Amino acid sequence: MNPVHRIGFIGLGRMGQPMAGHLARVGFDLAVYDIRPEAAASFAAEHRARVANTLPQVGAEADVVITMLPNGAEVRRAVLGEHGAGGGAADGLSPGAIVMDSGASDPVHTRALGEALRRRSIELVDAPVAGGVVFARDATLDVLVGGDAQAIERLRPVLSAFGRKVHLCGGLGNAHAMKALNNYVNGATMAVVIEALTIGRRLGLDLDLMLDSFAAATTGRNHPLEKKLIPQVVTRRFAHGAALGLMTKDIRIARDAAGACGAWAPMVQSCVEVWERAEQTLGFDADQTEVARLWEEQSGVVLARDA
């Protein structure tokens, strides 16, 4: 099994930049690409990485190409070029190389991309991450992984550079499916708790009383309550770091995946509609915890301790 030495990294956004930084710090030979040349140049200067000026150059200088992009359509363009016509990173990759998609993509599209790459003797692994920007900076992300077992084993040192735990999900596309379902549960749970809090405030209930009661009686270890509502909404920080529009996109992927496999899923459609309304009202780049503002504005209450 050939060890991975050279990595090409595409996408230096809020998540990609710290992830690529950890790869550089543990000693991988790193070439980076971003549609913003200044972002790639700044990163390369700080981390002693190389800037790849074109997508094929990313592939030519890598055993593994990692993409950290907003959706599967952008991943496909970056890897295969516009409409699959060439000019992507795959044009520079050698047979036996690996492409690893660490964003949140549609599993159906992931499997289609995997078939296209396999015809070039290139393996695709889906490895979306969970935890957000803070965990990316701390190298404590949870990584969901799907794909060929031997390819995943080659990637172990890469995954351990920015992740605390690897969750093996099975075949290609399964990790992206699990990521979408996780975010559906996350987004739906956050919406339900926010809605209950706003009802309670309208009825005159104390905010801290409700938070304590939910934690004791109904929510237990509830990720949105502990990690988002209490530290971000109640304090009015709204600084979780993940875009509202990305959460909407992931819940939409879960809905589409349900449709593709013939599952009956009426609740996920309702959840998509709520988050899409929040995105239209607040904007794609609003912090995802600002979804609470939708209920606050409609109900005429503020979920703050001093309100």
C-alpha atoms as a PDB file:
ATOM      1  CA  MET A   1       0.000   0.000   0.000  1.00  0.00           C
ATOM      2  CA  ASN A   2       1.557   3.277  -1.152  1.00  0.00           C
ATOM      3  CA  PRO A   3       1.693   5.877   1.636  1.00  0.00           C
ATOM      4  CA  VAL A   4       0.339   9.361   0.973  1.00  0.00           C
ATOM      5  CA  HIS A   5       2.984  12.093   0.831  1.00  0.00           C
ATOM      6  CA  ARG A   6       1.608  14.757  -1.519  1.00  0.00           C
ATOM      7  CA  ILE A   7      -1.790  16.360  -1.045  1.00  0.00           C
ATOM      8  CA  GLY A   8      -3.648  18.806  -3.253  1.00  0.00           C
ATOM      9  CA  PHE A   9      -6.270  20.812  -1.364  1.00  0.00           C
ATOM     10  CA  ILE A  10      -9.109  22.635  -3.144  1.00  0.00           C
ATOM     11  CA  GLY A  11     -11.216  25.124  -1.188  1.00  0.00           C
ATOM     12  CA  LEU A  12      -9.727  27.351   1.522  1.00  0.00           C
ATOM     13  CA  GLY A  13     -12.895  28.644   3.133  1.00  0.00           C
ATOM     14  CA  ARG A  14     -13.806  28.769   6.810  1.00  0.00           C
ATOM     15  CA  MET A  15     -13.476  25.000   7.158  1.00  0.00           C
ATOM     16  CA  GLY A  16     -10.935  24.240   4.470  1.00  0.00           C
ATOM     17  CA  GLN A  17      -8.291  26.685   5.626  1.00  0.00           C
ATOM     18  CA  PRO A  18      -7.795  25.231   9.135  1.00  0.00           C
ATOM     19  CA  MET A  19      -8.056  21.657   7.839  1.00  0.00           C
ATOM     20  CA  ALA A  20      -5.363  22.284   5.230  1.00  0.00           C
ATOM     21  CA  GLY A  21      -3.277  24.037   7.882  1.00  0.00           C
ATOM     22  CA  HIS A  22      -3.226  20.906  10.041  1.00  0.00           C
ATOM     23  CA  LEU A  23      -2.096  18.842   7.052  1.00  0.00           C
ATOM     24  CA  ALA A  24       0.791  21.244   6.464  1.00  0.00           C
ATOM     25  CA  ARG A  25       1.772  21.234  10.138  1.00  0.00           C
ATOM     26  CA  VAL A  26       2.103  17.441  10.328  1.00  0.00           C
ATOM     27  CA  GLY A  27       4.430  17.452   7.330  1.00  0.00           C
ATOM     28  CA  PHE A  28       2.450  16.604   4.194  1.00  0.00           C
ATOM     29  CA  ASP A  29       3.739  18.102   0.942  1.00  0.00           C
ATOM     30  CA  LEU A  30       0.833  20.437   0.237  1.00  0.00           C
ATOM     31  CA  ALA A  31      -0.351  22.233  -2.908  1.00  0.00           C
ATOM     32  CA  VAL A  32      -3.431  24.450  -2.527  1.00  0.00           C
ATOM     33  CA  TYR A  33      -6.002  25.942  -4.877  1.00  0.00           C
ATOM     34  CA  ASP A  34      -8.837  28.392  -4.321  1.00  0.00           C
ATOM     35  CA  ILE A  35     -10.965  30.440  -6.710  1.00  0.00           C
ATOM     36  CA  ARG A  36      -9.647  33.437  -4.744  1.00  0.00           C
ATOM     37  CA  PRO A  37      -5.928  33.524  -5.698  1.00  0.00           C
ATOM     38  CA  GLU A  38      -5.169  35.850  -2.798  1.00  0.00           C
ATOM     39  CA  ALA A  39      -6.506  33.270  -0.314  1.00  0.00           C
ATOM     40  CA  ALA A  40      -4.267  30.563  -1.756  1.00  0.00           C
ATOM     41  CA  ALA A  41      -1.230  32.863  -1.781  1.00  0.00           C
ATOM     42  CA  SER A  42      -1.800  33.953   1.812  1.00  0.00           C
ATOM     43  CA  PHE A  43      -2.214  30.375   3.002  1.00  0.00           C
ATOM     44  CA  ALA A  44       0.873  29.182   1.127  1.00  0.00           C
ATOM     45  CA  ALA A  45       3.013  31.960   2.602  1.00  0.00           C
ATOM     46  CA  GLU A  46       1.876  31.158   6.136  1.00  0.00           C
ATOM     47  CA  HIS A  47       2.197  27.373   5.882  1.00  0.00           C
ATOM     48  CA  ARG A  48       5.057  26.913   3.406  1.00  0.00           C
ATOM     49  CA  ALA A  49       2.705  25.260   0.947  1.00  0.00           C
ATOM     50  CA  ARG A  50       2.715  25.658  -2.832  1.00  0.00           C
ATOM     51  CA  VAL A  51       0.044  27.438  -4.843  1.00  0.00           C
ATOM     52  CA  ALA A  52      -1.417  25.449  -7.731  1.00  0.00           C
ATOM     53  CA  ASN A  53      -2.443  27.942 -10.401  1.00  0.00           C
ATOM     54  CA  THR A  54      -4.778  25.546 -12.215  1.00  0.00           C
ATOM     55  CA  LEU A  55      -6.931  22.601 -11.198  1.00  0.00           C
ATOM     56  CA  PRO A  56      -4.962  20.065 -13.314  1.00  0.00           C
ATOM     57  CA  GLN A  57      -1.821  21.301 -11.557  1.00  0.00           C
ATOM     58  CA  VAL A  58      -3.417  20.398  -8.211  1.00  0.00           C
ATOM     59  CA  GLY A  59      -3.760  16.823  -9.433  1.00  0.00           C
ATOM     60  CA  ALA A  60      -0.317  16.667 -11.016  1.00  0.00           C
ATOM     61  CA  GLU A  61       1.301  17.473  -7.679  1.00  0.00           C
ATOM     62  CA  ALA A  62      -0.741  15.081  -5.518  1.00  0.00           C
ATOM     63  CA  ASP A  63      -1.269  11.484  -4.468  1.00  0.00           C
ATOM     64  CA  VAL A  64      -4.568  12.628  -2.926  1.00  0.00           C
ATOM     65  CA  VAL A  65      -6.761  15.589  -3.838  1.00  0.00           C
ATOM     66  CA  ILE A  66      -9.077  16.838  -1.081  1.00  0.00           C
ATOM     67  CA  THR A  67     -12.041  19.048  -1.910  1.00  0.00           C
ATOM     68  CA  MET A  68     -13.744  21.221   0.711  1.00  0.00           C
ATOM     69  CA  LEU A  69     -16.445  22.891  -1.373  1.00  0.00           C
ATOM     70  CA  PRO A  70     -20.062  23.946  -0.742  1.00  0.00           C
ATOM     71  CA  ASN A  71     -21.809  21.243  -2.783  1.00  0.00           C
ATOM     72  CA  GLY A  72     -21.389  18.257  -5.059  1.00  0.00           C
ATOM     73  CA  ALA A  73     -21.863  20.246  -8.264  1.00  0.00           C
ATOM     74  CA  GLU A  74     -18.817  22.360  -7.446  1.00  0.00           C
ATOM     75  CA  VAL A  75     -16.851  19.230  -6.535  1.00  0.00           C
ATOM     76  CA  ARG A  76     -17.658  17.670  -9.906  1.00  0.00           C
ATOM     77  CA  ARG A  77     -16.588  20.849 -11.731  1.00  0.00           C
ATOM     78  CA  ALA A  78     -13.352  21.021  -9.744  1.00  0.00           C
ATOM     79  CA  VAL A  79     -12.531  17.370 -10.404  1.00  0.00           C
ATOM     80  CA  LEU A  80     -13.780  16.814 -13.976  1.00  0.00           C
ATOM     81  CA  GLY A  81     -14.078  20.355 -15.324  1.00  0.00           C
ATOM     82  CA  GLU A  82     -17.165  22.190 -16.561  1.00  0.00           C
ATOM     83  CA  HIS A  83     -19.769  19.653 -17.760  1.00  0.00           C
ATOM     84  CA  GLY A  84     -17.143  16.931 -17.361  1.00  0.00           C
ATOM     85  CA  ALA A  85     -15.300  18.241 -20.400  1.00  0.00           C
ATOM     86  CA  GLY A  86     -11.852  18.365 -18.803  1.00  0.00           C
ATOM     87  CA  GLY A  87      -9.782  21.019 -17.132  1.00  0.00           C
ATOM     88  CA  GLY A  88     -10.320  19.617 -13.643  1.00  0.00           C
ATOM     89  CA  ALA A  89      -7.966  18.125 -11.081  1.00  0.00           C
ATOM     90  CA  ALA A  90      -8.507  14.600 -12.442  1.00  0.00           C
ATOM     91  CA  ASP A  91      -6.659  15.600 -15.627  1.00  0.00           C
ATOM     92  CA  GLY A  92      -3.462  15.814 -13.599  1.00  0.00           C
ATOM     93  CA  LEU A  93      -3.961  12.777 -11.375  1.00  0.00           C
ATOM     94  CA  SER A  94      -2.172   9.503 -12.037  1.00  0.00           C
ATOM     95  CA  PRO A  95      -3.885   6.096 -11.920  1.00  0.00           C
ATOM     96  CA  GLY A  96      -4.083   4.903  -8.316  1.00  0.00           C
ATOM     97  CA  ALA A  97      -4.646   8.391  -6.929  1.00  0.00           C
ATOM     98  CA  ILE A  98      -7.513   9.255  -4.582  1.00  0.00           C
ATOM     99  CA  VAL A  99      -9.996  12.120  -4.539  1.00  0.00           C
ATOM    100  CA  MET A 100     -11.537  12.814  -1.112  1.00  0.00           C
ATOM    101  CA  ASP A 101     -14.666  14.970  -0.912  1.00  0.00           C
ATOM    102  CA  SER A 102     -14.867  16.392   2.628  1.00  0.00           C
ATOM    103  CA  GLY A 103     -17.808  18.691   2.000  1.00  0.00           C
ATOM    104  CA  ALA A 104     -21.502  17.839   2.249  1.00  0.00           C
ATOM    105  CA  SER A 105     -22.579  16.521  -1.147  1.00  0.00           C
ATOM    106  CA  ASP A 106     -25.584  14.629  -2.491  1.00  0.00           C
ATOM    107  CA  PRO A 107     -24.814  10.885  -2.158  1.00  0.00           C
ATOM    108  CA  VAL A 108     -26.402  10.105  -5.533  1.00  0.00           C
ATOM    109  CA  HIS A 109     -24.081  12.582  -7.247  1.00  0.00           C
ATOM    110  CA  THR A 110     -21.123  11.271  -5.244  1.00  0.00           C
ATOM    111  CA  ARG A 111     -21.671   7.767  -6.553  1.00  0.00           C
ATOM    112  CA  ALA A 112     -21.942   9.060 -10.117  1.00  0.00           C
ATOM    113  CA  LEU A 113     -18.668  10.951  -9.747  1.00  0.00           C
ATOM    114  CA  GLY A 114     -17.064   7.839  -8.302  1.00  0.00           C
ATOM    115  CA  GLU A 115     -18.025   5.859 -11.403  1.00  0.00           C
ATOM    116  CA  ALA A 116     -16.537   8.522 -13.677  1.00  0.00           C
ATOM    117  CA  LEU A 117     -13.275   8.527 -11.726  1.00  0.00           C
ATOM    118  CA  ARG A 118     -13.067   4.748 -11.527  1.00  0.00           C
ATOM    119  CA  ARG A 119     -12.936   4.652 -15.315  1.00  0.00           C
ATOM    120  CA  ARG A 120      -9.679   6.591 -14.949  1.00  0.00           C
ATOM    121  CA  SER A 121      -8.421   4.203 -12.214  1.00  0.00           C
ATOM    122  CA  ILE A 122      -8.880   6.957  -9.613  1.00  0.00           C
ATOM    123  CA  GLU A 123     -10.707   6.197  -6.364  1.00  0.00           C
ATOM    124  CA  LEU A 124     -13.242   8.549  -4.775  1.00  0.00           C
ATOM    125  CA  VAL A 125     -13.833   8.602  -1.020  1.00  0.00           C
ATOM    126  CA  ASP A 126     -16.536  10.687   0.631  1.00  0.00           C
ATOM    127  CA  ALA A 127     -15.332  12.029   3.971  1.00  0.00           C
ATOM    128  CA  PRO A 128     -17.592  14.850   5.214  1.00  0.00           C
ATOM    129  CA  VAL A 129     -16.682  16.355   8.564  1.00  0.00           C
ATOM    130  CA  ALA A 130     -18.805  17.316  11.555  1.00  0.00           C
ATOM    131  CA  GLY A 131     -18.157  19.836  14.310  1.00  0.00           C
ATOM    132  CA  GLY A 132     -17.946  23.238  12.682  1.00  0.00           C
ATOM    133  CA  VAL A 133     -15.241  25.870  12.449  1.00  0.00           C
ATOM    134  CA  VAL A 134     -14.123  25.668  16.086  1.00  0.00           C
ATOM    135  CA  PHE A 135     -13.481  21.944  15.802  1.00  0.00           C
ATOM    136  CA  ALA A 136     -11.716  22.424  12.467  1.00  0.00           C
ATOM    137  CA  ARG A 137      -9.328  24.842  14.152  1.00  0.00           C
ATOM    138  CA  ASP A 138      -8.726  22.409  17.024  1.00  0.00           C
ATOM    139  CA  ALA A 139      -8.273  19.363  14.750  1.00  0.00           C
ATOM    140  CA  THR A 140     -11.096  17.608  16.634  1.00  0.00           C
ATOM    141  CA  LEU A 141     -13.546  17.066  13.795  1.00  0.00           C
ATOM    142  CA  ASP A 142     -15.545  13.855  13.517  1.00  0.00           C
ATOM    143  CA  VAL A 143     -15.079  12.397  10.046  1.00  0.00           C
ATOM    144  CA  LEU A 144     -17.672  10.226   8.321  1.00  0.00           C
ATOM    145  CA  VAL A 145     -16.048   8.061   5.643  1.00  0.00           C
ATOM    146  CA  GLY A 146     -17.417   6.000   2.774  1.00  0.00           C
ATOM    147  CA  GLY A 147     -15.701   4.179  -0.050  1.00  0.00           C
ATOM    148  CA  ASP A 148     -13.144   1.515  -0.862  1.00  0.00           C
ATOM    149  CA  ALA A 149     -11.596  -0.005   2.276  1.00  0.00           C
ATOM    150  CA  GLN A 150      -8.022   0.056   0.952  1.00  0.00           C
ATOM    151  CA  ALA A 151      -8.321   3.685  -0.133  1.00  0.00           C
ATOM    152  CA  ILE A 152      -9.663   4.633   3.296  1.00  0.00           C
ATOM    153  CA  GLU A 153      -6.771   2.844   4.972  1.00  0.00           C
ATOM    154  CA  ARG A 154      -4.298   4.844   2.881  1.00  0.00           C
ATOM    155  CA  LEU A 155      -6.063   7.998   4.047  1.00  0.00           C
ATOM    156  CA  ARG A 156      -5.812   7.236   7.781  1.00  0.00           C
ATOM    157  CA  PRO A 157      -2.826   9.559   8.405  1.00  0.00           C
ATOM    158  CA  VAL A 158      -4.618  12.318   6.471  1.00  0.00           C
ATOM    159  CA  LEU A 159      -7.842  11.923   8.440  1.00  0.00           C
ATOM    160  CA  SER A 160      -6.042  11.864  11.791  1.00  0.00           C
ATOM    161  CA  ALA A 161      -4.393  15.212  11.002  1.00  0.00           C
ATOM    162  CA  PHE A 162      -7.663  17.116  11.408  1.00  0.00           C
ATOM    163  CA  GLY A 163     -10.079  14.592  12.941  1.00  0.00           C
ATOM    164  CA  ARG A 164     -10.474  13.078  16.393  1.00  0.00           C
ATOM    165  CA  LYS A 165     -12.594  10.117  15.282  1.00  0.00           C
ATOM    166  CA  VAL A 166     -13.330   8.331  12.014  1.00  0.00           C
ATOM    167  CA  HIS A 167     -16.760   6.775  11.512  1.00  0.00           C
ATOM    168  CA  LEU A 168     -16.761   4.089   8.800  1.00  0.00           C
ATOM    169  CA  CYS A 169     -20.081   4.267   6.942  1.00  0.00           C
ATOM    170  CA  GLY A 170     -19.655   1.594   4.273  1.00  0.00           C
ATOM    171  CA  GLY A 171     -19.704   2.091   0.512  1.00  0.00           C
ATOM    172  CA  LEU A 172     -19.192   5.240  -1.515  1.00  0.00           C
ATOM    173  CA  GLY A 173     -21.871   7.862  -0.881  1.00  0.00           C
ATOM    174  CA  ASN A 174     -22.895   6.459   2.504  1.00  0.00           C
ATOM    175  CA  ALA A 175     -20.903   9.069   4.415  1.00  0.00           C
ATOM    176  CA  HIS A 176     -22.552  11.910   2.509  1.00  0.00           C
ATOM    177  CA  ALA A 177     -25.938  10.312   3.206  1.00  0.00           C
ATOM    178  CA  MET A 178     -25.128  10.091   6.913  1.00  0.00           C
ATOM    179  CA  LYS A 179     -23.925  13.706   6.971  1.00  0.00           C
ATOM    180  CA  ALA A 180     -27.186  14.920   5.420  1.00  0.00           C
ATOM    181  CA  LEU A 181     -29.275  12.895   7.852  1.00  0.00           C
ATOM    182  CA  ASN A 182     -27.251  14.181  10.809  1.00  0.00           C
ATOM    183  CA  ASN A 183     -27.853  17.753   9.744  1.00  0.00           C
ATOM    184  CA  TYR A 184     -31.527  17.103   9.123  1.00  0.00           C
ATOM    185  CA  VAL A 185     -31.906  15.864  12.715  1.00  0.00           C
ATOM    186  CA  ASN A 186     -29.775  18.779  13.921  1.00  0.00           C
ATOM    187  CA  GLY A 187     -31.764  21.395  12.015  1.00  0.00           C
ATOM    188  CA  ALA A 188     -35.142  19.885  12.878  1.00  0.00           C
ATOM    189  CA  THR A 189     -34.273  19.599  16.563  1.00  0.00           C
ATOM    190  CA  MET A 190     -33.037  23.168  16.728  1.00  0.00           C
ATOM    191  CA  ALA A 191     -36.225  24.394  15.059  1.00  0.00           C
ATOM    192  CA  VAL A 192     -38.487  22.404  17.417  1.00  0.00           C
ATOM    193  CA  VAL A 193     -36.719  23.680  20.545  1.00  0.00           C
ATOM    194  CA  ILE A 194     -36.748  27.282  19.293  1.00  0.00           C
ATOM    195  CA  GLU A 195     -40.447  26.996  18.537  1.00  0.00           C
ATOM    196  CA  ALA A 196     -41.188  25.600  22.006  1.00  0.00           C
ATOM    197  CA  LEU A 197     -39.182  28.398  23.639  1.00  0.00           C
ATOM    198  CA  THR A 198     -41.029  31.097  21.717  1.00  0.00           C
ATOM    199  CA  ILE A 199     -44.393  29.567  22.650  1.00  0.00           C
ATOM    200  CA  GLY A 200     -43.287  29.483  26.262  1.00  0.00           C
ATOM    201  CA  ARG A 201     -42.205  33.102  26.206  1.00  0.00           C
ATOM    202  CA  ARG A 202     -45.573  34.113  24.740  1.00  0.00           C
ATOM    203  CA  LEU A 203     -47.198  32.250  27.623  1.00  0.00           C
ATOM    204  CA  GLY A 204     -45.031  34.083  30.137  1.00  0.00           C
ATOM    205  CA  LEU A 205     -42.617  31.293  31.073  1.00  0.00           C
ATOM    206  CA  ASP A 206     -39.115  32.153  32.266  1.00  0.00           C
ATOM    207  CA  LEU A 207     -36.389  31.338  29.704  1.00  0.00           C
ATOM    208  CA  ASP A 208     -33.982  29.676  32.148  1.00  0.00           C
ATOM    209  CA  LEU A 209     -36.817  27.643  33.640  1.00  0.00           C
ATOM    210  CA  MET A 210     -37.669  26.275  30.199  1.00  0.00           C
ATOM    211  CA  LEU A 211     -34.039  25.503  29.343  1.00  0.00           C
ATOM    212  CA  ASP A 212     -33.532  23.640  32.627  1.00  0.00           C
ATOM    213  CA  SER A 213     -36.830  21.798  32.291  1.00  0.00           C
ATOM    214  CA  PHE A 214     -36.173  20.709  28.706  1.00  0.00           C
ATOM    215  CA  ALA A 215     -32.705  19.457  29.629  1.00  0.00           C
ATOM    216  CA  ALA A 216     -34.089  17.439  32.540  1.00  0.00           C
ATOM    217  CA  ALA A 217     -37.315  16.127  31.063  1.00  0.00           C
ATOM    218  CA  THR A 218     -37.193  15.945  27.279  1.00  0.00           C
ATOM    219  CA  THR A 219     -33.934  16.810  25.556  1.00  0.00           C
ATOM    220  CA  GLY A 220     -31.162  15.287  27.669  1.00  0.00           C
ATOM    221  CA  ARG A 221     -27.866  15.550  25.762  1.00  0.00           C
ATOM    222  CA  ASN A 222     -29.252  17.679  22.977  1.00  0.00           C
ATOM    223  CA  HIS A 223     -26.571  18.998  20.631  1.00  0.00           C
ATOM    224  CA  PRO A 224     -28.471  22.070  19.348  1.00  0.00           C
ATOM    225  CA  LEU A 225     -29.568  23.040  22.864  1.00  0.00           C
ATOM    226  CA  GLU A 226     -26.097  22.650  24.404  1.00  0.00           C
ATOM    227  CA  LYS A 227     -23.920  23.804  21.532  1.00  0.00           C
ATOM    228  CA  LYS A 228     -26.069  26.390  19.778  1.00  0.00           C
ATOM    229  CA  LEU A 229     -29.149  27.676  21.583  1.00  0.00           C
ATOM    230  CA  ILE A 230     -27.681  28.284  25.046  1.00  0.00           C
ATOM    231  CA  PRO A 231     -24.207  29.613  24.062  1.00  0.00           C
ATOM    232  CA  GLN A 232     -25.245  31.459  20.888  1.00  0.00           C
ATOM    233  CA  VAL A 233     -28.944  32.372  20.816  1.00  0.00           C
ATOM    234  CA  VAL A 234     -29.613  33.130  24.481  1.00  0.00           C
ATOM    235  CA  THR A 235     -26.400  35.178  24.700  1.00  0.00           C
ATOM    236  CA  ARG A 236     -27.157  36.889  21.341  1.00  0.00           C
ATOM    237  CA  ARG A 237     -23.668  36.033  20.069  1.00  0.00           C
ATOM    238  CA  PHE A 238     -24.911  34.196  16.970  1.00  0.00           C
ATOM    239  CA  ALA A 239     -21.330  33.163  16.260  1.00  0.00           C
ATOM    240  CA  HIS A 240     -21.416  29.402  15.803  1.00  0.00           C
ATOM    241  CA  GLY A 241     -19.494  29.883  12.557  1.00  0.00           C
ATOM    242  CA  ALA A 242     -21.531  27.789  10.103  1.00  0.00           C
ATOM    243  CA  ALA A 243     -23.629  29.449   7.424  1.00  0.00           C
ATOM    244  CA  LEU A 244     -27.404  29.160   7.611  1.00  0.00           C
ATOM    245  CA  GLY A 245     -27.553  28.439   3.897  1.00  0.00           C
ATOM    246  CA  LEU A 246     -25.259  25.437   4.235  1.00  0.00           C
ATOM    247  CA  MET A 247     -27.549  23.888   6.838  1.00  0.00           C
ATOM    248  CA  THR A 248     -30.486  24.488   4.489  1.00  0.00           C
ATOM    249  CA  LYS A 249     -28.590  22.810   1.671  1.00  0.00           C
ATOM    250  CA  ASP A 250     -27.793  19.746   3.801  1.00  0.00           C
ATOM    251  CA  ILE A 251     -31.411  19.304   4.909  1.00  0.00           C
ATOM    252  CA  ARG A 252     -32.445  19.607   1.267  1.00  0.00           C
ATOM    253  CA  ILE A 253     -29.979  16.803   0.421  1.00  0.00           C
ATOM    254  CA  ALA A 254     -31.634  14.611   3.064  1.00  0.00           C
ATOM    255  CA  ARG A 255     -35.053  15.306   1.513  1.00  0.00           C
ATOM    256  CA  ASP A 256     -33.799  14.528  -1.987  1.00  0.00           C
ATOM    257  CA  ALA A 257     -32.100  11.339  -0.797  1.00  0.00           C
ATOM    258  CA  ALA A 258     -35.379  10.213   0.779  1.00  0.00           C
ATOM    259  CA  GLY A 259     -37.123  10.783  -2.530  1.00  0.00           C
ATOM    260  CA  ALA A 260     -34.441   8.954  -4.475  1.00  0.00           C
ATOM    261  CA  CYS A 261     -34.740   5.821  -2.340  1.00  0.00           C
ATOM    262  CA  GLY A 262     -38.534   5.909  -2.082  1.00  0.00           C
ATOM    263  CA  ALA A 263     -38.732   6.621   1.655  1.00  0.00           C
ATOM    264  CA  TRP A 264     -41.851   8.271   3.104  1.00  0.00           C
ATOM    265  CA  ALA A 265     -40.506  11.431   4.760  1.00  0.00           C
ATOM    266  CA  PRO A 266     -43.135  14.156   5.231  1.00  0.00           C
ATOM    267  CA  MET A 267     -41.347  15.839   8.143  1.00  0.00           C
ATOM    268  CA  VAL A 268     -38.132  16.505   6.240  1.00  0.00           C
ATOM    269  CA  GLN A 269     -40.075  18.490   3.615  1.00  0.00           C
ATOM    270  CA  SER A 270     -41.543  20.700   6.343  1.00  0.00           C
ATOM    271  CA  CYS A 271     -38.066  21.201   7.792  1.00  0.00           C
ATOM    272  CA  VAL A 272     -36.695  22.218   4.389  1.00  0.00           C
ATOM    273  CA  GLU A 273     -39.467  24.794   3.995  1.00  0.00           C
ATOM    274  CA  VAL A 274     -38.706  26.360   7.385  1.00  0.00           C
ATOM    275  CA  TRP A 275     -34.974  26.634   6.730  1.00  0.00           C
ATOM    276  CA  GLU A 276     -35.508  27.926   3.196  1.00  0.00           C
ATOM    277  CA  ARG A 277     -37.748  30.662   4.594  1.00  0.00           C
ATOM    278  CA  ALA A 278     -35.047  31.555   7.115  1.00  0.00           C
ATOM    279  CA  GLU A 279     -32.440  31.707   4.341  1.00  0.00           C
ATOM    280  CA  GLN A 280     -34.661  33.947   2.225  1.00  0.00           C
ATOM    281  CA  THR A 281     -35.279  36.229   5.207  1.00  0.00           C
ATOM    282  CA  LEU A 282     -31.809  36.335   6.769  1.00  0.00           C
ATOM    283  CA  GLY A 283     -29.484  35.479   3.893  1.00  0.00           C
ATOM    284  CA  PHE A 284     -27.304  32.498   2.996  1.00  0.00           C
ATOM    285  CA  ASP A 285     -24.308  33.710   5.015  1.00  0.00           C
ATOM    286  CA  ALA A 286     -26.164  34.419   8.258  1.00  0.00           C
ATOM    287  CA  ASP A 287     -24.944  32.307  11.175  1.00  0.00           C
ATOM    288  CA  GLN A 288     -27.100  29.182  11.318  1.00  0.00           C
ATOM    289  CA  THR A 289     -28.098  29.954  14.922  1.00  0.00           C
ATOM    290  CA  GLU A 290     -29.789  33.106  13.632  1.00  0.00           C
ATOM    291  CA  VAL A 291     -32.622  30.862  12.449  1.00  0.00           C
ATOM    292  CA  ALA A 292     -34.055  31.683  15.889  1.00  0.00           C
ATOM    293  CA  ARG A 293     -34.742  35.214  14.649  1.00  0.00           C
ATOM    294  CA  LEU A 294     -37.426  33.806  12.339  1.00  0.00           C
ATOM    295  CA  TRP A 295     -39.500  32.621  15.306  1.00  0.00           C
ATOM    296  CA  GLU A 296     -38.691  35.712  17.350  1.00  0.00           C
ATOM    297  CA  GLU A 297     -39.930  38.051  14.628  1.00  0.00           C
ATOM    298  CA  GLN A 298     -43.072  36.043  13.957  1.00  0.00           C
ATOM    299  CA  SER A 299     -43.920  35.526  17.649  1.00  0.00           C
ATOM    300  CA  GLY A 300     -42.868  38.928  18.981  1.00  0.00           C
ATOM    301  CA  VAL A 301     -40.488  37.604  21.627  1.00  0.00           C
ATOM    302  CA  VAL A 302     -36.712  37.611  22.141  1.00  0.00           C
ATOM    303  CA  LEU A 303     -34.959  34.497  23.436  1.00  0.00           C
ATOM    304  CA  ALA A 304     -32.457  36.358  25.601  1.00  0.00           C
ATOM    305  CA  ARG A 305     -31.948  36.158  29.362  1.00  0.00           C
ATOM    306  CA  ASP A 306     -32.218  39.917  29.773  1.00  0.00           C
ATOM    307  CA  ALA A 307     -35.301  40.280  27.546  1.00  0.00           C
END
